[in-house]
PDB file of all heavy atoms in Angstrom:
ATOM      1  N   ASP A   1      33.409-193.464 120.909  1.00  0.00           N
ATOM      2  CA  ASP A   1      32.661-194.611 120.372  1.00  0.00           C
ATOM      3  C   ASP A   1      32.943-195.863 121.212  1.00  0.00           C
ATOM      4  O   ASP A   1      32.029-196.635 121.509  1.00  0.00           O
ATOM      5  CB  ASP A   1      33.052-194.889 118.911  1.00  0.00           C
ATOM      6  CG  ASP A   1      32.537-193.806 117.964  1.00  0.00           C
ATOM      7  OD1 ASP A   1      31.664-193.010 118.390  1.00  0.00           O
ATOM      8  OD2 ASP A   1      33.016-193.742 116.808  1.00  0.00           O
ATOM      9  N   LEU A   2      34.207-196.046 121.576  1.00  0.00           N
ATOM     10  CA  LEU A   2      34.566-197.198 122.408  1.00  0.00           C
ATOM     11  C   LEU A   2      33.825-197.134 123.743  1.00  0.00           C
ATOM     12  O   LEU A   2      33.285-198.132 124.221  1.00  0.00           O
ATOM     13  CB  LEU A   2      36.085-197.236 122.674  1.00  0.00           C
ATOM     14  CG  LEU A   2      37.007-197.563 121.498  1.00  0.00           C
ATOM     15  CD1 LEU A   2      38.461-197.522 121.957  1.00  0.00           C
ATOM     16  CD2 LEU A   2      36.686-198.933 120.916  1.00  0.00           C
ATOM     17  N   LEU A   3      33.799-195.939 124.336  1.00  0.00           N
ATOM     18  CA  LEU A   3      33.121-195.747 125.623  1.00  0.00           C
ATOM     19  C   LEU A   3      31.641-196.118 125.513  1.00  0.00           C
ATOM     20  O   LEU A   3      31.105-196.858 126.341  1.00  0.00           O
ATOM     21  CB  LEU A   3      33.277-194.292 126.087  1.00  0.00           C
ATOM     22  CG  LEU A   3      32.551-193.906 127.380  1.00  0.00           C
ATOM     23  CD1 LEU A   3      33.255-194.493 128.592  1.00  0.00           C
ATOM     24  CD2 LEU A   3      32.486-192.386 127.530  1.00  0.00           C
ATOM     25  N   HIS A   4      30.993-195.599 124.470  1.00  0.00           N
ATOM     26  CA  HIS A   4      29.561-195.859 124.318  1.00  0.00           C
ATOM     27  C   HIS A   4      29.270-197.338 124.068  1.00  0.00           C
ATOM     28  O   HIS A   4      28.214-197.841 124.443  1.00  0.00           O
ATOM     29  CB  HIS A   4      28.970-194.999 123.192  1.00  0.00           C
ATOM     30  CG  HIS A   4      28.911-193.545 123.541  1.00  0.00           C
ATOM     31  ND1 HIS A   4      28.448-193.098 124.758  1.00  0.00           N
ATOM     32  CD2 HIS A   4      29.277-192.429 122.846  1.00  0.00           C
ATOM     33  CE1 HIS A   4      28.528-191.770 124.799  1.00  0.00           C
ATOM     34  NE2 HIS A   4      29.033-191.347 123.661  1.00  0.00           N
ATOM     35  N   HIS A   5      30.220-198.021 123.455  1.00  0.00           N
ATOM     36  CA  HIS A   5      30.029-199.445 123.191  1.00  0.00           C
ATOM     37  C   HIS A   5      30.284-200.299 124.440  1.00  0.00           C
ATOM     38  O   HIS A   5      29.494-201.180 124.781  1.00  0.00           O
ATOM     39  CB  HIS A   5      30.959-199.896 122.060  1.00  0.00           C
ATOM     40  CG  HIS A   5      30.878-201.369 121.781  1.00  0.00           C
ATOM     41  ND1 HIS A   5      29.769-201.952 121.201  1.00  0.00           N
ATOM     42  CD2 HIS A   5      31.752-202.381 122.031  1.00  0.00           C
ATOM     43  CE1 HIS A   5      29.972-203.263 121.094  1.00  0.00           C
ATOM     44  NE2 HIS A   5      31.153-203.551 121.603  1.00  0.00           N
ATOM     45  N   TYR A   6      31.394-200.019 125.139  1.00  0.00           N
ATOM     46  CA  TYR A   6      31.818-200.926 126.215  1.00  0.00           C
ATOM     47  C   TYR A   6      31.329-200.560 127.621  1.00  0.00           C
ATOM     48  O   TYR A   6      31.175-201.445 128.462  1.00  0.00           O
ATOM     49  CB  TYR A   6      33.351-201.030 126.256  1.00  0.00           C
ATOM     50  CG  TYR A   6      33.957-201.771 125.095  1.00  0.00           C
ATOM     51  CD1 TYR A   6      34.586-201.088 124.057  1.00  0.00           C
ATOM     52  CD2 TYR A   6      33.919-203.165 125.035  1.00  0.00           C
ATOM     53  CE1 TYR A   6      35.157-201.772 122.992  1.00  0.00           C
ATOM     54  CE2 TYR A   6      34.482-203.859 123.970  1.00  0.00           C
ATOM     55  CZ  TYR A   6      35.111-203.157 122.946  1.00  0.00           C
ATOM     56  OH  TYR A   6      35.679-203.835 121.903  1.00  0.00           O
ATOM     57  N   TYR A   7      31.102-199.277 127.891  1.00  0.00           N
ATOM     58  CA  TYR A   7      30.710-198.898 129.266  1.00  0.00           C
ATOM     59  C   TYR A   7      29.400-199.571 129.698  1.00  0.00           C
ATOM     60  O   TYR A   7      29.297-200.095 130.813  1.00  0.00           O
ATOM     61  CB  TYR A   7      30.644-197.369 129.423  1.00  0.00           C
ATOM     62  CG  TYR A   7      30.213-196.925 130.815  1.00  0.00           C
ATOM     63  CD1 TYR A   7      31.029-197.183 131.931  1.00  0.00           C
ATOM     64  CD2 TYR A   7      29.007-196.258 131.025  1.00  0.00           C
ATOM     65  CE1 TYR A   7      30.629-196.792 133.216  1.00  0.00           C
ATOM     66  CE2 TYR A   7      28.608-195.863 132.297  1.00  0.00           C
ATOM     67  CZ  TYR A   7      29.418-196.127 133.385  1.00  0.00           C
ATOM     68  OH  TYR A   7      29.028-195.745 134.641  1.00  0.00           O
ATOM     69  N   PRO A   8      28.367-199.602 128.815  1.00  0.00           N
ATOM     70  CA  PRO A   8      27.134-200.295 129.220  1.00  0.00           C
ATOM     71  C   PRO A   8      27.386-201.775 129.559  1.00  0.00           C
ATOM     72  O   PRO A   8      26.728-202.334 130.435  1.00  0.00           O
ATOM     73  CB  PRO A   8      26.228-200.163 127.984  1.00  0.00           C
ATOM     74  CG  PRO A   8      26.735-198.949 127.272  1.00  0.00           C
ATOM     75  CD  PRO A   8      28.223-198.940 127.500  1.00  0.00           C
ATOM     76  N   ILE A   9      28.348-202.398 128.867  1.00  0.00           N
ATOM     77  CA  ILE A   9      28.694-203.792 129.160  1.00  0.00           C
ATOM     78  C   ILE A   9      29.344-203.872 130.541  1.00  0.00           C
ATOM     79  O   ILE A   9      29.021-204.745 131.350  1.00  0.00           O
ATOM     80  CB  ILE A   9      29.672-204.352 128.093  1.00  0.00           C
ATOM     81  CG1 ILE A   9      29.006-204.361 126.705  1.00  0.00           C
ATOM     82  CG2 ILE A   9      30.164-205.747 128.478  1.00  0.00           C
ATOM     83  CD1 ILE A   9      29.947-204.677 125.548  1.00  0.00           C
ATOM     84  N   GLU A  10      30.248-202.926 130.817  1.00  0.00           N
ATOM     85  CA  GLU A  10      30.967-202.929 132.096  1.00  0.00           C
ATOM     86  C   GLU A  10      30.010-202.884 133.281  1.00  0.00           C
ATOM     87  O   GLU A  10      30.205-203.577 134.274  1.00  0.00           O
ATOM     88  CB  GLU A  10      31.923-201.719 132.170  1.00  0.00           C
ATOM     89  CG  GLU A  10      32.707-201.661 133.466  1.00  0.00           C
ATOM     90  CD  GLU A  10      33.441-200.326 133.659  1.00  0.00           C
ATOM     91  OE1 GLU A  10      33.780-199.666 132.666  1.00  0.00           O
ATOM     92  OE2 GLU A  10      33.674-199.961 134.827  1.00  0.00           O
ATOM     93  N   ILE A  11      28.957-202.060 133.187  1.00  0.00           N
ATOM     94  CA  ILE A  11      28.079-201.894 134.355  1.00  0.00           C
ATOM     95  C   ILE A  11      26.781-202.705 134.263  1.00  0.00           C
ATOM     96  O   ILE A  11      25.919-202.579 135.121  1.00  0.00           O
ATOM     97  CB  ILE A  11      27.740-200.399 134.605  1.00  0.00           C
ATOM     98  CG1 ILE A  11      26.918-199.807 133.458  1.00  0.00           C
ATOM     99  CG2 ILE A  11      29.010-199.581 134.831  1.00  0.00           C
ATOM    100  CD1 ILE A  11      26.314-198.451 133.778  1.00  0.00           C
ATOM    101  N   ASP A  12      26.664-203.573 133.243  1.00  0.00           N
ATOM    102  CA  ASP A  12      25.447-204.370 133.077  1.00  0.00           C
ATOM    103  C   ASP A  12      25.339-205.424 134.187  1.00  0.00           C
ATOM    104  O   ASP A  12      26.145-206.349 134.255  1.00  0.00           O
ATOM    105  CB  ASP A  12      25.493-205.064 131.709  1.00  0.00           C
ATOM    106  CG  ASP A  12      24.220-205.842 131.414  1.00  0.00           C
ATOM    107  OD1 ASP A  12      23.403-206.030 132.348  1.00  0.00           O
ATOM    108  OD2 ASP A  12      24.039-206.263 130.250  1.00  0.00           O
ATOM    109  N   PRO A  13      24.320-205.291 135.084  1.00  0.00           N
ATOM    110  CA  PRO A  13      24.216-206.236 136.199  1.00  0.00           C
ATOM    111  C   PRO A  13      23.838-207.649 135.753  1.00  0.00           C
ATOM    112  O   PRO A  13      23.951-208.601 136.514  1.00  0.00           O
ATOM    113  CB  PRO A  13      23.132-205.625 137.096  1.00  0.00           C
ATOM    114  CG  PRO A  13      22.354-204.704 136.229  1.00  0.00           C
ATOM    115  CD  PRO A  13      23.247-204.281 135.100  1.00  0.00           C
ATOM    116  N   ASN A  14      23.385-207.797 134.507  1.00  0.00           N
ATOM    117  CA  ASN A  14      22.917-209.113 134.045  1.00  0.00           C
ATOM    118  C   ASN A  14      23.974-209.937 133.321  1.00  0.00           C
ATOM    119  O   ASN A  14      23.728-211.073 132.949  1.00  0.00           O
ATOM    120  CB  ASN A  14      21.693-208.931 133.143  1.00  0.00           C
ATOM    121  CG  ASN A  14      20.591-208.168 133.865  1.00  0.00           C
ATOM    122  OD1 ASN A  14      20.263-208.495 135.000  1.00  0.00           O
ATOM    123  ND2 ASN A  14      20.058-207.132 133.226  1.00  0.00           N
ATOM    124  N   ARG A  15      25.147-209.356 133.109  1.00  0.00           N
ATOM    125  CA  ARG A  15      26.211-210.131 132.466  1.00  0.00           C
ATOM    126  C   ARG A  15      27.166-210.670 133.517  1.00  0.00           C
ATOM    127  O   ARG A  15      27.428-210.011 134.516  1.00  0.00           O
ATOM    128  CB  ARG A  15      27.011-209.249 131.495  1.00  0.00           C
ATOM    129  CG  ARG A  15      26.270-208.913 130.230  1.00  0.00           C
ATOM    130  CD  ARG A  15      27.246-208.259 129.270  1.00  0.00           C
ATOM    131  NE  ARG A  15      26.579-207.697 128.116  1.00  0.00           N
ATOM    132  CZ  ARG A  15      26.970-207.934 126.870  1.00  0.00           C
ATOM    133  NH1 ARG A  15      28.011-208.695 126.634  1.00  0.00           N
ATOM    134  NH2 ARG A  15      26.333-207.379 125.861  1.00  0.00           N
ATOM    135  N   THR A  16      27.728-211.829 133.269  1.00  0.00           N
ATOM    136  CA  THR A  16      28.655-212.417 134.243  1.00  0.00           C
ATOM    137  C   THR A  16      30.046-211.800 134.071  1.00  0.00           C
ATOM    138  O   THR A  16      30.367-211.240 133.017  1.00  0.00           O
ATOM    139  CB  THR A  16      28.796-213.938 134.036  1.00  0.00           C
ATOM    140  OG1 THR A  16      29.407-214.158 132.748  1.00  0.00           O
ATOM    141  CG2 THR A  16      27.444-214.633 134.083  1.00  0.00           C
ATOM    142  N   LEU A  17      30.875-211.959 135.104  1.00  0.00           N
ATOM    143  CA  LEU A  17      32.254-211.461 135.021  1.00  0.00           C
ATOM    144  C   LEU A  17      33.004-212.188 133.912  1.00  0.00           C
ATOM    145  O   LEU A  17      33.837-211.600 133.227  1.00  0.00           O
ATOM    146  CB  LEU A  17      32.973-211.674 136.357  1.00  0.00           C
ATOM    147  CG  LEU A  17      32.524-210.772 137.511  1.00  0.00           C
ATOM    148  CD1 LEU A  17      33.338-211.057 138.761  1.00  0.00           C
ATOM    149  CD2 LEU A  17      32.658-209.302 137.142  1.00  0.00           C
ATOM    150  N   GLU A  18      32.694-213.474 133.724  1.00  0.00           N
ATOM    151  CA  GLU A  18      33.359-214.264 132.669  1.00  0.00           C
ATOM    152  C   GLU A  18      33.089-213.641 131.299  1.00  0.00           C
ATOM    153  O   GLU A  18      33.962-213.585 130.449  1.00  0.00           O
ATOM    154  CB  GLU A  18      32.852-215.717 132.673  1.00  0.00           C
ATOM    155  CG  GLU A  18      33.425-216.604 133.768  1.00  0.00           C
ATOM    156  CD  GLU A  18      33.152-216.076 135.186  1.00  0.00           C
ATOM    157  OE1 GLU A  18      31.990-215.686 135.465  1.00  0.00           O
ATOM    158  OE2 GLU A  18      34.093-216.026 135.999  1.00  0.00           O
ATOM    159  N   GLU A  19      31.863-213.183 131.113  1.00  0.00           N
ATOM    160  CA  GLU A  19      31.506-212.530 129.846  1.00  0.00           C
ATOM    161  C   GLU A  19      32.219-211.187 129.708  1.00  0.00           C
ATOM    162  O   GLU A  19      32.649-210.798 128.630  1.00  0.00           O
ATOM    163  CB  GLU A  19      29.998-212.245 129.808  1.00  0.00           C
ATOM    164  CG  GLU A  19      29.120-213.391 129.380  1.00  0.00           C
ATOM    165  CD  GLU A  19      27.657-212.968 129.481  1.00  0.00           C
ATOM    166  OE1 GLU A  19      27.153-212.364 128.514  1.00  0.00           O
ATOM    167  OE2 GLU A  19      27.028-213.214 130.535  1.00  0.00           O
ATOM    168  N   LYS A  20      32.276-210.468 130.826  1.00  0.00           N
ATOM    169  CA  LYS A  20      32.786-209.088 130.766  1.00  0.00           C
ATOM    170  C   LYS A  20      34.299-209.010 130.588  1.00  0.00           C
ATOM    171  O   LYS A  20      34.795-208.128 129.891  1.00  0.00           O
ATOM    172  CB  LYS A  20      32.405-208.337 132.045  1.00  0.00           C
ATOM    173  CG  LYS A  20      30.926-208.018 132.171  1.00  0.00           C
ATOM    174  CD  LYS A  20      30.657-207.275 133.466  1.00  0.00           C
ATOM    175  CE  LYS A  20      29.179-206.979 133.658  1.00  0.00           C
ATOM    176  NZ  LYS A  20      28.933-206.120 134.809  1.00  0.00           N
ATOM    177  N   ARG A  21      35.029-209.917 131.241  1.00  0.00           N
ATOM    178  CA  ARG A  21      36.496-209.770 131.280  1.00  0.00           C
ATOM    179  C   ARG A  21      37.163-209.624 129.909  1.00  0.00           C
ATOM    180  O   ARG A  21      37.896-208.663 129.687  1.00  0.00           O
ATOM    181  CB  ARG A  21      37.122-210.942 132.059  1.00  0.00           C
ATOM    182  CG  ARG A  21      37.273-210.620 133.524  1.00  0.00           C
ATOM    183  CD  ARG A  21      38.113-211.633 134.291  1.00  0.00           C
ATOM    184  NE  ARG A  21      37.663-211.659 135.676  1.00  0.00           N
ATOM    185  CZ  ARG A  21      36.919-212.612 136.217  1.00  0.00           C
ATOM    186  NH1 ARG A  21      36.564-213.664 135.488  1.00  0.00           N
ATOM    187  NH2 ARG A  21      36.545-212.536 137.476  1.00  0.00           N
ATOM    188  N   PRO A  22      36.925-210.557 128.957  1.00  0.00           N
ATOM    189  CA  PRO A  22      37.594-210.408 127.650  1.00  0.00           C
ATOM    190  C   PRO A  22      37.201-209.110 126.940  1.00  0.00           C
ATOM    191  O   PRO A  22      38.013-208.515 126.223  1.00  0.00           O
ATOM    192  CB  PRO A  22      37.135-211.634 126.860  1.00  0.00           C
ATOM    193  CG  PRO A  22      35.974-212.203 127.599  1.00  0.00           C
ATOM    194  CD  PRO A  22      36.118-211.788 129.029  1.00  0.00           C
ATOM    195  N   LEU A  23      35.965-208.670 127.164  1.00  0.00           N
ATOM    196  CA  LEU A  23      35.505-207.433 126.519  1.00  0.00           C
ATOM    197  C   LEU A  23      36.189-206.210 127.118  1.00  0.00           C
ATOM    198  O   LEU A  23      36.462-205.224 126.425  1.00  0.00           O
ATOM    199  CB  LEU A  23      33.982-207.320 126.628  1.00  0.00           C
ATOM    200  CG  LEU A  23      33.231-208.416 125.852  1.00  0.00           C
ATOM    201  CD1 LEU A  23      31.766-208.473 126.248  1.00  0.00           C
ATOM    202  CD2 LEU A  23      33.378-208.201 124.348  1.00  0.00           C
ATOM    203  N   MET A  24      36.487-206.262 128.417  1.00  0.00           N
ATOM    204  CA  MET A  24      37.209-205.151 129.056  1.00  0.00           C
ATOM    205  C   MET A  24      38.650-205.088 128.539  1.00  0.00           C
ATOM    206  O   MET A  24      39.179-204.018 128.270  1.00  0.00           O
ATOM    207  CB  MET A  24      37.202-205.305 130.585  1.00  0.00           C
ATOM    208  CG  MET A  24      35.828-205.182 131.235  1.00  0.00           C
ATOM    209  SD  MET A  24      34.985-203.598 130.917  1.00  0.00           S
ATOM    210  CE  MET A  24      33.740-204.077 129.711  1.00  0.00           C
ATOM    211  N   VAL A  25      39.276-206.269 128.386  1.00  0.00           N
ATOM    212  CA  VAL A  25      40.642-206.311 127.837  1.00  0.00           C
ATOM    213  C   VAL A  25      40.644-205.677 126.444  1.00  0.00           C
ATOM    214  O   VAL A  25      41.512-204.875 126.087  1.00  0.00           O
ATOM    215  CB  VAL A  25      41.168-207.763 127.765  1.00  0.00           C
ATOM    216  CG1 VAL A  25      42.485-207.835 126.999  1.00  0.00           C
ATOM    217  CG2 VAL A  25      41.355-208.329 129.175  1.00  0.00           C
ATOM    218  N   GLU A  26      39.635-206.025 125.669  1.00  0.00           N
ATOM    219  CA  GLU A  26      39.484-205.493 124.311  1.00  0.00           C
ATOM    220  C   GLU A  26      39.365-203.963 124.346  1.00  0.00           C
ATOM    221  O   GLU A  26      40.027-203.250 123.591  1.00  0.00           O
ATOM    222  CB  GLU A  26      38.195-206.089 123.748  1.00  0.00           C
ATOM    223  CG  GLU A  26      38.108-206.226 122.265  1.00  0.00           C
ATOM    224  CD  GLU A  26      36.823-206.997 121.920  1.00  0.00           C
ATOM    225  OE1 GLU A  26      36.828-208.238 121.950  1.00  0.00           O
ATOM    226  OE2 GLU A  26      35.811-206.328 121.660  1.00  0.00           O
ATOM    227  N   TRP A  27      38.511-203.464 125.246  1.00  0.00           N
ATOM    228  CA  TRP A  27      38.269-202.016 125.350  1.00  0.00           C
ATOM    229  C   TRP A  27      39.554-201.283 125.738  1.00  0.00           C
ATOM    230  O   TRP A  27      39.979-200.346 125.067  1.00  0.00           O
ATOM    231  CB  TRP A  27      37.164-201.757 126.377  1.00  0.00           C
ATOM    232  CG  TRP A  27      36.829-200.310 126.612  1.00  0.00           C
ATOM    233  CD1 TRP A  27      37.219-199.231 125.863  1.00  0.00           C
ATOM    234  CD2 TRP A  27      36.009-199.782 127.674  1.00  0.00           C
ATOM    235  NE1 TRP A  27      36.692-198.061 126.401  1.00  0.00           N
ATOM    236  CE2 TRP A  27      35.955-198.380 127.501  1.00  0.00           C
ATOM    237  CE3 TRP A  27      35.316-200.368 128.732  1.00  0.00           C
ATOM    238  CZ2 TRP A  27      35.240-197.549 128.379  1.00  0.00           C
ATOM    239  CZ3 TRP A  27      34.595-199.548 129.590  1.00  0.00           C
ATOM    240  CH2 TRP A  27      34.563-198.147 129.412  1.00  0.00           C
ATOM    241  N   TRP A  28      40.181-201.721 126.811  1.00  0.00           N
ATOM    242  CA  TRP A  28      41.392-201.036 127.294  1.00  0.00           C
ATOM    243  C   TRP A  28      42.500-201.087 126.238  1.00  0.00           C
ATOM    244  O   TRP A  28      43.181-200.105 126.003  1.00  0.00           O
ATOM    245  CB  TRP A  28      41.879-201.695 128.592  1.00  0.00           C
ATOM    246  CG  TRP A  28      41.499-200.979 129.843  1.00  0.00           C
ATOM    247  CD1 TRP A  28      42.339-200.282 130.668  1.00  0.00           C
ATOM    248  CD2 TRP A  28      40.209-200.887 130.471  1.00  0.00           C
ATOM    249  NE1 TRP A  28      41.649-199.770 131.747  1.00  0.00           N
ATOM    250  CE2 TRP A  28      40.339-200.128 131.653  1.00  0.00           C
ATOM    251  CE3 TRP A  28      38.942-201.381 130.136  1.00  0.00           C
ATOM    252  CZ2 TRP A  28      39.266-199.851 132.502  1.00  0.00           C
ATOM    253  CZ3 TRP A  28      37.875-201.110 130.989  1.00  0.00           C
ATOM    254  CH2 TRP A  28      38.042-200.343 132.153  1.00  0.00           C
TER     255      TRP A  28
END
């Protein structure tokens, strides 16, 4: 479930790194 939620965010070309970073910390 975590993978399906966060992986699309990780590879989304339209989101900025600033947006992605806290979400990656959350996922890991």
